[in-house]
Protein backbone atom coordinates (compact mmCIF):
# COMPACT_ATOMS: atom_id res chain seq x y z
CA MET A 1 138.05 7.68 -114.69
CA LYS A 2 135.18 5.33 -115.57
CA THR A 3 135.68 1.57 -115.22
CA ASN A 4 133.28 -1.29 -115.89
CA LEU A 5 134.29 -4.28 -113.79
CA LEU A 6 132.44 -6.70 -116.09
CA HIS A 7 134.14 -5.65 -119.35
CA ASP A 8 137.21 -7.26 -120.93
CA LEU A 9 136.81 -10.54 -119.06
CA PRO A 10 138.78 -13.58 -120.17
CA THR A 11 136.73 -16.63 -121.13
CA TYR A 12 139.55 -18.79 -119.76
CA SER A 13 142.88 -18.28 -118.03
CA SER A 14 145.19 -20.81 -116.42
CA HIS A 15 145.37 -18.58 -113.32
CA GLU A 16 143.26 -16.00 -111.53
CA ILE A 17 143.69 -12.40 -112.66
CA PHE A 18 144.19 -9.76 -109.94
CA GLN A 19 143.82 -6.08 -110.82
CA THR A 20 144.39 -3.39 -108.18
CA LEU A 21 141.83 -0.65 -108.73
CA LEU A 22 142.75 1.60 -105.80
CA GLU A 23 145.31 1.53 -103.02
CA GLN A 24 145.30 4.33 -100.47
CA ASP A 25 145.43 4.91 -96.70
CA GLY A 26 145.53 1.24 -95.71
CA VAL A 27 142.78 0.18 -98.14
CA ARG A 28 143.27 -1.84 -101.33
CA ILE A 29 140.45 -2.55 -103.78
CA GLU A 30 140.93 -5.34 -106.32
CA ARG A 31 139.01 -6.93 -109.13
CA ILE A 32 139.68 -10.67 -109.19
CA VAL A 33 138.62 -12.80 -112.15
CA SER A 34 138.46 -16.58 -111.71
CA THR A 35 137.76 -19.02 -114.53
CA GLY A 36 137.38 -22.29 -112.66
CA GLN A 37 140.31 -21.87 -110.26
CA SER A 38 140.32 -22.96 -106.63
CA SER A 39 142.90 -22.90 -103.85
CA PRO A 40 145.54 -25.66 -104.01
CA PRO A 41 144.86 -28.72 -101.83
CA GLY A 42 145.83 -28.04 -98.22
CA PHE A 43 146.33 -24.29 -98.81
CA TRP A 44 144.61 -21.74 -96.54
CA TYR A 45 144.69 -17.95 -96.79
CA ASP A 46 145.65 -16.40 -93.44
CA GLN A 47 145.74 -12.67 -94.10
CA SER A 48 146.79 -9.88 -91.74
CA GLN A 49 144.20 -7.58 -93.34
CA GLY A 50 140.44 -7.87 -93.23
CA GLU A 51 138.75 -8.56 -96.57
CA TRP A 52 135.24 -7.64 -97.69
CA VAL A 53 134.39 -9.40 -100.92
CA LEU A 54 131.40 -8.99 -103.26
CA LEU A 55 130.66 -11.51 -106.00
CA LEU A 56 129.67 -9.64 -109.17
CA SER A 57 129.26 -12.53 -111.62
CA GLY A 58 129.70 -16.29 -111.83
CA ALA A 59 129.54 -18.43 -108.70
CA ALA A 60 131.95 -19.56 -105.98
CA ARG A 61 132.28 -21.56 -102.80
CA LEU A 62 134.43 -20.42 -99.87
CA HIS A 63 135.53 -22.75 -97.09
CA PHE A 64 136.35 -21.30 -93.67
CA ALA A 65 138.30 -23.02 -90.89
CA GLU A 66 137.84 -22.61 -87.15
CA PRO A 67 134.87 -22.61 -86.93
CA GLU A 68 134.39 -24.64 -90.07
CA ASP A 69 131.86 -23.21 -92.51
CA VAL A 70 131.20 -23.44 -96.25
CA VAL A 71 129.61 -20.47 -98.01
CA GLU A 72 128.08 -20.62 -101.49
CA LEU A 73 128.20 -17.29 -103.35
CA ILE A 74 126.10 -16.03 -106.26
CA PRO A 75 126.09 -12.55 -107.82
CA GLY A 76 125.23 -9.92 -105.24
CA ASP A 77 126.47 -11.93 -102.24
CA ALA A 78 129.07 -10.29 -100.00
CA VAL A 79 131.20 -11.69 -97.17
CA HIS A 80 133.46 -10.01 -94.63
CA ILE A 81 136.54 -12.03 -93.69
CA PRO A 82 138.22 -10.76 -90.51
CA PRO A 83 142.03 -10.73 -90.26
CA HIS A 84 143.53 -14.19 -89.75
CA ARG A 85 140.26 -16.07 -90.41
CA ARG A 86 141.68 -18.96 -92.38
CA HIS A 87 139.80 -19.58 -95.62
CA ARG A 88 140.17 -21.07 -99.06
CA VAL A 89 138.36 -20.99 -102.40
CA ASP A 90 136.88 -24.47 -102.87
CA TRP A 91 135.30 -23.84 -106.28
CA THR A 92 134.59 -21.18 -108.92
CA HIS A 93 132.30 -21.55 -111.92
CA PRO A 94 134.18 -23.42 -114.67
CA ASP A 95 132.08 -22.21 -117.63
CA LYS A 96 131.83 -18.45 -117.08
CA PRO A 97 134.04 -15.87 -115.39
CA THR A 98 133.61 -15.35 -111.67
CA VAL A 99 134.27 -11.69 -110.90
CA TRP A 100 135.03 -10.60 -107.34
CA LEU A 101 135.35 -7.09 -105.93
CA ALA A 102 137.65 -7.36 -102.92
CA VAL A 103 138.30 -4.59 -100.40
CA PHE A 104 141.27 -5.20 -98.09
CA HIS A 105 141.49 -3.03 -94.97
CA GLY A 106 143.44 -2.66 -91.73
CA GLY A 107 146.37 -4.79 -90.77
């Protein structure tokens, strides 16, 4: 079945939109669409699975803890986040959709 990850994007939503594209054998692939959202103050993701994420459109900034690091993402940038590497989304582009392709594995 053909899918275009950049079609049918909202121009605005009050929350991020998560769409599972495939889940099989310990791997989950999601399309995430952000329209200006960021993680709540003081909130950190601490996931038991690894996550490889590719930014397809828009722009974003991830903040990692221990060791502290801030990563700016533009289309085409990819980041691997090992299990239990605490991170948060500091910023996503407020004027155009930020589309992520996330692959969760292990755990």
